[in-house]
Amino acid sequence: MDVTYALDLDAPAIGFRRLSSNRFLNLQANRWLVTERAVADFLPVVPRTTRIADWVRTYLDLADRVRDQEHDLEAAFFARGAEFFMQPGNPLKAPTRRRFVSSLRRCFALEPELIPFEGGFLPAYELLAPGAAEPPASTWVVFGGFDSYIEETFPVLAAVAQRGRRVIAFEGPGQGGALEADAASGPTGGRRLAMRADWAAPLSAVLDHFDVDEATVVGMSLGGGLVMHAAASEPRARRVVAFDVLDDFLEVLVSQSLPPALARGAGRALSRLEPLITHAPTSALNRVLADRARHSPMAWWGMWQGMHVTGAQSPAEFLRAAAAFSTAGVSPRVAGDVLLMQGAEDEFVPHHQMIRQAERLTAARSVTTRTFTRAESAASHCQTGNTGLMARTILAWEEGL
């Protein structure tokens, strides 16, 4: 592993800026700013519209320009910014994804191990500090959620490895190379693996492959819910980290995908959400969702992304499938030490989900909660703007157990 581009965990935060009046676009714009150089490159060209085509064009142009300046890390993340907004049928999406993944592999001198799983494969990377004098203090096993590529985490995970951890980062069903089964992840020919709530099986496959006896298991975004599904059935998950906490995926989607009046009427309880989604006529629900997508970039993106990762044939089918990702039935079986983290101004996850998750972890050895604030530049989803603080928080929690 090459640590040239590893994040400096003690450096001042990149920060979280108001780059768009739309909260969804603003979050994504901040998400790809991985260095101060990236900030300086992006600020003069920030799109002033909410038209997705304008954002894609800006990111592609910027990726080409900074690549020509040999700013490889920044160019890769700007390419990822463009690819993020491209729908699956866009002919530029696959080559732009390959460009991002291959660039990050070159920057960090990493290649994936392809773990066979149910006719497909799970891409996994092992990050170890080069020339470390001491054995790792612990093993972290890390995965993302609804839209991430695991290569996005290389800068911060390389820094964690430098702090004396063995880091295994993988993509499970519905994520990155496991979903795409493409040349960016390795040999083609594997089956595309769709997103699922049963996360114990892929986690167990990764732990077996790398001969891991016990681990700190870290789930990001939707992974904050998936990690509970995994830890409930996999005893090697001794320490469990969820950031941001996401205990009810359907609630998150309803809050973003339905018109505000309907979302408010559904309330917090899944007992009221499921009938609303289950019993509404499919054609009517699809019309409501399509209308919402016309008025909300977040709903527009979320509907086709959800269909893509789950294999659903319609927005309504995807929304109905999301109920399976609730952690209500599995959280009481999690037995390890648990760290729950959230941003005080998360763009997706309602604030009460962390409280509810903590209350359901009745068998956990310990439960620690942490809410990050705007003053820390970490109040947004997954602490975008200050991932160094996020990593330091997990390290300190682990060391204090």
Protein backbone atom coordinates (compact mmCIF):
# COMPACT_ATOMS: atom_id res chain seq x y z
CA MET A 1 0.00 0.00 0.00
CA ASP A 2 1.18 3.51 -0.86
CA VAL A 3 0.29 6.10 1.82
CA THR A 4 1.29 9.17 -0.20
CA TYR A 5 -2.34 10.23 -0.50
CA ALA A 6 -3.47 9.11 2.96
CA LEU A 7 -5.53 11.64 4.87
CA ASP A 8 -3.73 13.44 7.66
CA LEU A 9 -6.06 12.67 10.56
CA ASP A 10 -4.68 15.55 12.62
CA ALA A 11 -4.87 18.21 9.91
CA PRO A 12 -7.58 20.89 10.02
CA ALA A 13 -10.89 19.75 8.54
CA ILE A 14 -11.61 20.36 4.88
CA GLY A 15 -14.87 21.86 6.13
CA PHE A 16 -18.43 21.83 4.88
CA ARG A 17 -19.48 24.68 2.59
CA ARG A 18 -22.74 25.97 1.17
CA LEU A 19 -22.11 25.25 -2.50
CA SER A 20 -25.74 24.82 -3.61
CA SER A 21 -29.12 25.90 -2.30
CA ASN A 22 -30.28 22.29 -2.77
CA ARG A 23 -29.28 20.20 0.27
CA PHE A 24 -28.75 17.01 -1.73
CA LEU A 25 -26.54 18.65 -4.36
CA ASN A 26 -24.71 20.54 -1.64
CA LEU A 27 -23.87 17.34 0.23
CA GLN A 28 -22.57 15.63 -2.89
CA ALA A 29 -20.54 18.69 -3.87
CA ASN A 30 -18.80 18.63 -0.49
CA ARG A 31 -18.39 14.86 -0.60
CA TRP A 32 -15.82 14.87 -3.41
CA LEU A 33 -13.61 17.62 -1.95
CA VAL A 34 -10.90 15.40 -0.50
CA THR A 35 -8.03 17.91 -0.40
CA GLU A 36 -7.53 21.67 -0.15
CA ARG A 37 -6.37 21.57 -3.76
CA ALA A 38 -9.71 20.05 -4.77
CA VAL A 39 -11.50 22.85 -2.95
CA ALA A 40 -9.45 25.48 -4.79
CA ASP A 41 -10.15 23.79 -8.13
CA PHE A 42 -13.89 23.40 -7.56
CA LEU A 43 -14.97 26.69 -5.97
CA PRO A 44 -14.54 28.81 -9.15
CA VAL A 45 -16.67 26.45 -11.25
CA VAL A 46 -19.51 25.41 -8.90
CA PRO A 47 -22.71 25.09 -10.98
CA ARG A 48 -25.30 27.70 -10.09
CA THR A 49 -28.24 25.56 -11.20
CA THR A 50 -29.91 22.37 -10.00
CA ARG A 51 -29.80 20.81 -13.48
CA ILE A 52 -27.99 17.49 -13.10
CA ALA A 53 -26.53 17.76 -16.61
CA ASP A 54 -24.72 20.95 -15.58
CA TRP A 55 -23.14 19.19 -12.60
CA VAL A 56 -22.04 16.20 -14.69
CA ARG A 57 -20.47 18.43 -17.32
CA THR A 58 -18.66 20.51 -14.69
CA TYR A 59 -17.21 17.45 -12.99
CA LEU A 60 -16.07 15.84 -16.24
CA ASP A 61 -14.39 19.03 -17.46
CA LEU A 62 -12.71 19.51 -14.11
CA ALA A 63 -11.54 15.89 -13.94
CA ASP A 64 -9.85 16.26 -17.33
CA ARG A 65 -8.23 19.56 -16.43
CA VAL A 66 -6.72 18.52 -13.11
CA ARG A 67 -5.64 15.15 -14.54
CA ASP A 68 -3.63 17.06 -17.14
CA GLN A 69 -2.03 18.90 -14.19
CA GLU A 70 -1.13 15.47 -12.71
CA HIS A 71 -3.36 15.94 -9.69
CA ASP A 72 -4.39 12.31 -9.81
CA LEU A 73 -6.36 12.00 -6.57
CA GLU A 74 -8.43 15.10 -7.20
CA ALA A 75 -9.07 14.10 -10.82
CA ALA A 76 -10.32 10.71 -9.71
CA PHE A 77 -12.81 12.15 -7.24
CA PHE A 78 -14.09 14.70 -9.74
CA ALA A 79 -14.70 11.84 -12.17
CA ARG A 80 -16.60 10.08 -9.39
CA GLY A 81 -18.70 13.22 -8.94
CA ALA A 82 -19.74 13.02 -12.59
CA GLU A 83 -20.39 9.28 -12.50
CA PHE A 84 -22.51 9.58 -9.35
CA PHE A 85 -25.21 11.49 -11.23
CA MET A 86 -25.18 9.34 -14.38
CA GLN A 87 -28.08 6.92 -14.70
CA PRO A 88 -27.22 3.24 -15.34
CA GLY A 89 -28.14 3.46 -19.02
CA ASN A 90 -25.77 6.34 -19.69
CA PRO A 91 -22.94 5.04 -21.97
CA LEU A 92 -20.44 7.23 -20.12
CA LYS A 93 -21.20 5.72 -16.71
CA ALA A 94 -19.20 2.48 -16.92
CA PRO A 95 -16.02 4.03 -18.37
CA THR A 96 -16.18 6.89 -15.87
CA ARG A 97 -16.53 4.38 -13.04
CA ARG A 98 -13.53 2.43 -14.38
CA ARG A 99 -11.56 5.67 -14.54
CA PHE A 100 -12.29 6.43 -10.89
CA VAL A 101 -11.61 2.93 -9.56
CA SER A 102 -8.41 2.38 -11.54
CA SER A 103 -7.08 5.81 -10.52
CA LEU A 104 -7.64 5.17 -6.82
CA ARG A 105 -5.97 1.77 -7.10
CA ARG A 106 -2.93 3.37 -8.70
CA CYS A 107 -2.77 6.15 -6.11
CA PHE A 108 -2.77 3.68 -3.21
CA ALA A 109 -1.05 0.74 -4.94
CA LEU A 110 -3.92 -1.58 -4.06
CA GLU A 111 -5.60 -4.41 -5.93
CA PRO A 112 -8.75 -6.22 -4.80
CA GLU A 113 -9.09 -9.81 -3.77
CA LEU A 114 -12.24 -11.24 -5.33
CA ILE A 115 -14.07 -13.41 -2.82
CA PRO A 116 -16.47 -15.90 -4.47
CA PHE A 117 -20.02 -15.40 -3.22
CA GLU A 118 -23.26 -16.89 -4.55
CA GLY A 119 -22.14 -16.99 -8.17
CA GLY A 120 -20.56 -13.55 -8.08
CA PHE A 121 -17.74 -12.02 -6.10
CA LEU A 122 -17.12 -9.56 -3.30
CA PRO A 123 -14.20 -7.18 -4.03
CA ALA A 124 -12.10 -6.70 -0.91
CA TYR A 125 -8.94 -4.75 -0.16
CA GLU A 126 -6.49 -5.26 2.69
CA LEU A 127 -4.75 -2.11 3.92
CA LEU A 128 -1.69 -2.44 6.12
CA ALA A 129 0.82 0.25 7.01
CA PRO A 130 4.02 -0.39 5.05
CA GLY A 131 6.98 -1.32 7.22
CA ALA A 132 5.01 -1.43 10.47
CA ALA A 133 7.19 -2.56 13.39
CA GLU A 134 4.33 -3.80 15.55
CA PRO A 135 1.45 -6.16 14.74
CA PRO A 136 -1.91 -4.43 14.19
CA ALA A 137 -3.77 -3.44 17.34
CA SER A 138 -7.04 -4.62 15.79
CA THR A 139 -8.74 -5.49 12.51
CA TRP A 140 -11.31 -3.14 11.03
CA VAL A 141 -13.75 -4.53 8.46
CA VAL A 142 -15.42 -1.67 6.61
CA PHE A 143 -18.21 -1.39 4.04
CA GLY A 144 -20.44 1.29 2.58
CA GLY A 145 -24.12 1.62 1.88
CA PHE A 146 -26.60 2.66 -0.77
CA ASP A 147 -24.36 4.44 -3.25
CA SER A 148 -20.70 4.33 -2.22
CA TYR A 149 -17.75 2.70 -3.93
CA ILE A 150 -15.37 1.31 -1.35
CA GLU A 151 -12.42 2.94 -3.14
CA GLU A 152 -13.77 6.31 -1.95
CA THR A 153 -12.65 5.37 1.55
CA PHE A 154 -9.00 4.74 0.69
CA PRO A 155 -7.68 8.14 1.89
CA VAL A 156 -9.16 7.84 5.38
CA LEU A 157 -8.65 4.06 5.70
CA ALA A 158 -5.00 4.35 4.69
CA ALA A 159 -4.64 6.82 7.55
CA VAL A 160 -6.33 4.37 9.93
CA ALA A 161 -3.89 1.67 8.81
CA GLN A 162 -1.03 4.05 9.64
CA ARG A 163 -2.48 4.21 13.17
CA GLY A 164 -1.74 0.53 13.62
CA ARG A 165 -4.87 -1.15 12.32
CA ARG A 166 -5.33 -3.91 9.80
CA VAL A 167 -8.12 -2.65 7.54
CA ILE A 168 -10.24 -4.84 5.28
CA ALA A 169 -12.59 -2.84 3.09
CA PHE A 170 -15.11 -4.68 0.94
CA GLU A 171 -18.18 -4.30 -1.25
CA GLY A 172 -21.15 -6.53 -0.61
CA PRO A 173 -24.26 -7.28 -2.65
CA GLY A 174 -25.69 -4.17 -4.28
CA GLN A 175 -22.42 -2.25 -3.98
CA GLY A 176 -19.72 -1.29 -6.47
CA GLY A 177 -17.96 -4.21 -8.08
CA ALA A 178 -20.22 -6.82 -6.48
CA LEU A 179 -23.19 -5.16 -8.20
CA GLU A 180 -21.55 -4.22 -11.49
CA ALA A 181 -19.40 -7.35 -11.93
CA ASP A 182 -17.30 -5.21 -14.26
CA ALA A 183 -13.73 -4.89 -15.40
CA ALA A 184 -13.11 -2.19 -12.80
CA SER A 185 -13.39 -4.85 -10.13
CA GLY A 186 -11.67 -7.76 -11.80
CA PRO A 187 -12.46 -10.50 -14.30
CA THR A 188 -15.90 -10.25 -15.86
CA GLY A 189 -18.34 -13.11 -15.91
CA GLY A 190 -19.54 -13.07 -12.31
CA ARG A 191 -23.19 -12.69 -11.47
CA ARG A 192 -24.41 -9.24 -10.48
CA LEU A 193 -25.31 -9.35 -6.79
CA ALA A 194 -28.29 -7.21 -5.82
CA MET A 195 -28.65 -5.40 -2.50
CA ARG A 196 -30.00 -7.43 0.42
CA ALA A 197 -30.64 -6.92 4.12
CA ASP A 198 -29.06 -10.24 5.15
CA TRP A 199 -25.53 -8.94 5.64
CA ALA A 200 -24.19 -11.67 7.92
CA ALA A 201 -23.48 -13.96 4.97
CA PRO A 202 -21.25 -11.56 3.02
CA LEU A 203 -19.50 -10.42 6.20
CA SER A 204 -18.83 -14.02 7.20
CA ALA A 205 -17.42 -14.77 3.74
CA VAL A 206 -14.98 -11.86 4.09
CA LEU A 207 -13.94 -12.82 7.63
CA ASP A 208 -13.35 -16.41 6.52
CA HIS A 209 -11.33 -15.35 3.47
CA PHE A 210 -8.97 -13.17 5.52
CA ASP A 211 -8.91 -15.55 8.51
CA VAL A 212 -10.25 -12.94 10.94
CA ASP A 213 -11.10 -14.21 14.44
CA GLU A 214 -12.63 -10.98 15.76
CA ALA A 215 -13.05 -7.49 14.36
CA THR A 216 -14.28 -3.93 14.62
CA VAL A 217 -16.98 -3.89 11.93
CA VAL A 218 -17.80 -0.47 10.49
CA GLY A 219 -20.86 0.29 8.34
CA MET A 220 -21.30 3.64 6.58
CA SER A 221 -24.61 5.28 5.64
CA LEU A 222 -27.06 2.44 4.86
CA GLY A 223 -24.19 0.28 6.07
CA GLY A 224 -25.03 1.62 9.52
CA GLY A 225 -28.14 -0.54 9.35
CA LEU A 226 -26.53 -3.42 7.49
CA VAL A 227 -23.87 -3.71 10.20
CA MET A 228 -26.61 -4.51 12.73
CA HIS A 229 -28.01 -7.25 10.49
CA ALA A 230 -24.48 -8.66 10.23
CA ALA A 231 -23.51 -8.39 13.89
CA ALA A 232 -26.76 -10.00 15.07
CA SER A 233 -25.68 -13.31 13.49
CA GLU A 234 -21.88 -13.08 13.22
CA PRO A 235 -20.18 -13.36 16.65
CA ARG A 236 -16.81 -12.30 15.27
CA ALA A 237 -18.22 -8.75 15.04
CA ARG A 238 -17.02 -7.90 18.57
CA ARG A 239 -17.10 -4.13 18.08
CA VAL A 240 -19.79 -2.53 15.91
CA VAL A 241 -19.74 0.99 14.47
CA ALA A 242 -22.65 2.61 12.62
CA PHE A 243 -22.27 5.99 10.97
CA ASP A 244 -24.56 7.49 10.28
CA VAL A 245 -27.07 5.43 12.21
CA LEU A 246 -29.76 4.21 9.83
CA ASP A 247 -32.18 1.87 11.57
CA ASP A 248 -35.16 2.21 9.19
CA PHE A 249 -34.40 2.57 5.48
CA LEU A 250 -38.06 2.82 4.52
CA GLU A 251 -38.56 5.78 6.82
CA VAL A 252 -35.59 7.53 5.21
CA LEU A 253 -36.96 6.91 1.73
CA VAL A 254 -40.47 8.03 2.61
CA SER A 255 -39.14 11.25 4.08
CA GLN A 256 -37.28 11.94 0.82
CA SER A 257 -39.49 10.35 -1.84
CA LEU A 258 -43.05 11.24 -0.95
CA PRO A 259 -44.53 14.72 -0.95
CA PRO A 260 -44.00 16.41 2.43
CA ALA A 261 -47.67 16.17 3.44
CA LEU A 262 -47.76 12.41 2.87
CA ALA A 263 -44.42 11.89 4.58
CA ARG A 264 -45.55 13.84 7.63
CA GLY A 265 -48.81 11.91 7.70
CA ALA A 266 -46.93 8.62 7.73
CA GLY A 267 -45.19 9.63 10.94
CA ARG A 268 -42.29 7.86 12.58
CA ALA A 269 -43.71 4.38 13.12
CA LEU A 270 -43.01 1.60 10.63
CA SER A 271 -46.43 0.19 11.54
CA ARG A 272 -47.93 3.20 9.76
CA LEU A 273 -45.39 3.35 6.93
CA GLU A 274 -45.72 -0.22 5.68
CA PRO A 275 -49.49 -0.17 5.09
CA LEU A 276 -49.16 3.14 3.28
CA ILE A 277 -46.63 1.65 0.88
CA THR A 278 -47.93 -1.94 0.73
CA HIS A 279 -51.58 -1.26 0.04
CA ALA A 280 -51.36 1.70 -2.29
CA PRO A 281 -52.00 0.63 -5.92
CA THR A 282 -48.67 0.20 -7.71
CA SER A 283 -49.63 2.46 -10.61
CA ALA A 284 -50.75 5.20 -8.24
CA LEU A 285 -47.62 4.92 -6.12
CA ASN A 286 -45.40 5.05 -9.20
CA ARG A 287 -47.21 8.20 -10.35
CA VAL A 288 -46.70 9.87 -6.97
CA LEU A 289 -43.03 8.95 -6.96
CA ALA A 290 -42.51 10.10 -10.55
CA ASP A 291 -44.13 13.43 -9.78
CA ARG A 292 -41.96 13.84 -6.71
CA ALA A 293 -38.85 13.03 -8.74
CA ARG A 294 -39.67 15.85 -11.15
CA HIS A 295 -39.47 18.32 -8.30
CA SER A 296 -36.64 16.85 -6.22
CA PRO A 297 -33.14 15.92 -7.45
CA MET A 298 -32.78 13.72 -4.36
CA ALA A 299 -35.97 11.77 -5.11
CA TRP A 300 -35.07 11.52 -8.81
CA TRP A 301 -31.63 10.13 -8.05
CA GLY A 302 -32.80 7.89 -5.20
CA MET A 303 -35.50 6.14 -7.23
CA TRP A 304 -33.33 5.00 -10.11
CA GLN A 305 -30.38 4.27 -7.83
CA GLY A 306 -32.64 2.13 -5.64
CA MET A 307 -34.00 0.20 -8.61
CA HIS A 308 -30.45 -0.35 -9.86
CA VAL A 309 -28.97 -1.67 -6.62
CA THR A 310 -31.93 -3.86 -5.64
CA GLY A 311 -32.97 -5.07 -9.10
CA ALA A 312 -36.49 -3.68 -8.60
CA GLN A 313 -38.55 -3.14 -11.74
CA SER A 314 -40.33 0.01 -10.58
CA PRO A 315 -39.96 2.75 -7.97
CA ALA A 316 -42.90 1.28 -6.06
CA GLU A 317 -41.27 -2.17 -5.95
CA PHE A 318 -38.05 -0.65 -4.62
CA LEU A 319 -39.85 1.33 -1.95
CA ARG A 320 -41.71 -1.78 -0.79
CA ALA A 321 -38.50 -3.82 -0.66
CA ALA A 322 -36.90 -1.24 1.63
CA ALA A 323 -38.93 -2.37 4.64
CA ALA A 324 -36.71 -5.48 4.92
CA PHE A 325 -33.75 -3.27 5.89
CA SER A 326 -35.28 -2.22 9.21
CA THR A 327 -33.06 -3.24 12.12
CA ALA A 328 -35.93 -3.51 14.63
CA GLY A 329 -35.90 -7.32 14.59
CA VAL A 330 -32.12 -7.78 14.73
CA SER A 331 -30.80 -5.02 17.00
CA PRO A 332 -31.76 -6.87 20.23
CA ARG A 333 -29.41 -9.72 19.19
CA VAL A 334 -26.27 -7.60 18.79
CA ALA A 335 -23.98 -8.62 21.63
CA GLY A 336 -20.77 -6.62 21.11
CA ASP A 337 -19.70 -3.10 21.99
CA VAL A 338 -21.52 -0.60 19.78
CA LEU A 339 -20.69 2.95 18.69
CA LEU A 340 -23.51 4.94 17.06
CA MET A 341 -22.63 8.18 15.29
CA GLN A 342 -24.74 10.79 13.56
CA GLY A 343 -24.56 14.30 12.18
CA ALA A 344 -26.75 16.86 13.90
CA GLU A 345 -27.97 18.08 10.49
CA ASP A 346 -28.00 14.82 8.51
CA GLU A 347 -29.58 15.34 5.09
CA PHE A 348 -31.14 11.87 5.00
CA VAL A 349 -31.49 10.20 8.39
CA PRO A 350 -34.01 11.51 10.95
CA HIS A 351 -32.38 12.47 14.23
CA HIS A 352 -34.55 10.12 16.30
CA GLN A 353 -33.16 7.01 14.57
CA MET A 354 -30.04 7.02 16.77
CA ILE A 355 -32.11 7.24 19.95
CA ARG A 356 -34.34 4.40 18.76
CA GLN A 357 -31.39 2.24 17.72
CA ALA A 358 -29.66 2.73 21.08
CA GLU A 359 -32.83 1.70 22.92
CA ARG A 360 -33.12 -1.52 20.91
CA LEU A 361 -29.56 -2.69 21.56
CA THR A 362 -30.63 -4.46 24.75
CA ALA A 363 -28.03 -7.27 24.58
CA ALA A 364 -25.04 -5.11 23.62
CA ARG A 365 -22.03 -5.16 25.92
CA SER A 366 -21.95 -1.36 25.74
CA VAL A 367 -23.59 1.37 23.66
CA THR A 368 -21.90 4.71 22.99
CA THR A 369 -23.50 7.54 21.01
CA ARG A 370 -21.86 10.54 19.38
CA THR A 371 -23.54 13.46 17.62
CA PHE A 372 -21.30 15.69 15.48
CA THR A 373 -22.04 19.38 15.13
CA ARG A 374 -21.76 22.16 12.59
CA ALA A 375 -19.01 23.74 14.70
CA GLU A 376 -16.98 20.57 14.08
CA SER A 377 -17.69 20.69 10.32
CA ALA A 378 -19.17 17.21 10.76
CA ALA A 379 -22.92 17.75 11.10
CA SER A 380 -23.78 16.31 7.68
CA HIS A 381 -24.36 12.75 6.53
CA CYS A 382 -21.38 10.49 7.34
CA GLN A 383 -19.51 13.48 8.74
CA THR A 384 -18.79 14.87 5.28
CA GLY A 385 -16.43 17.79 5.80
CA ASN A 386 -14.46 16.23 8.63
CA THR A 387 -13.84 12.53 8.06
CA GLY A 388 -10.64 12.82 10.07
CA LEU A 389 -12.67 13.54 13.21
CA MET A 390 -14.92 10.59 12.42
CA ALA A 391 -11.91 8.25 12.21
CA ARG A 392 -10.28 9.65 15.34
CA THR A 393 -13.55 9.17 17.22
CA ILE A 394 -13.71 5.48 16.30
CA LEU A 395 -10.05 4.96 17.18
CA ALA A 396 -10.46 6.62 20.57
CA TRP A 397 -13.64 4.66 21.33
CA GLU A 398 -11.94 1.39 20.42
CA GLU A 399 -8.90 2.16 22.55
CA GLY A 400 -11.11 2.97 25.52
CA LEU A 401 -12.93 -0.35 25.61
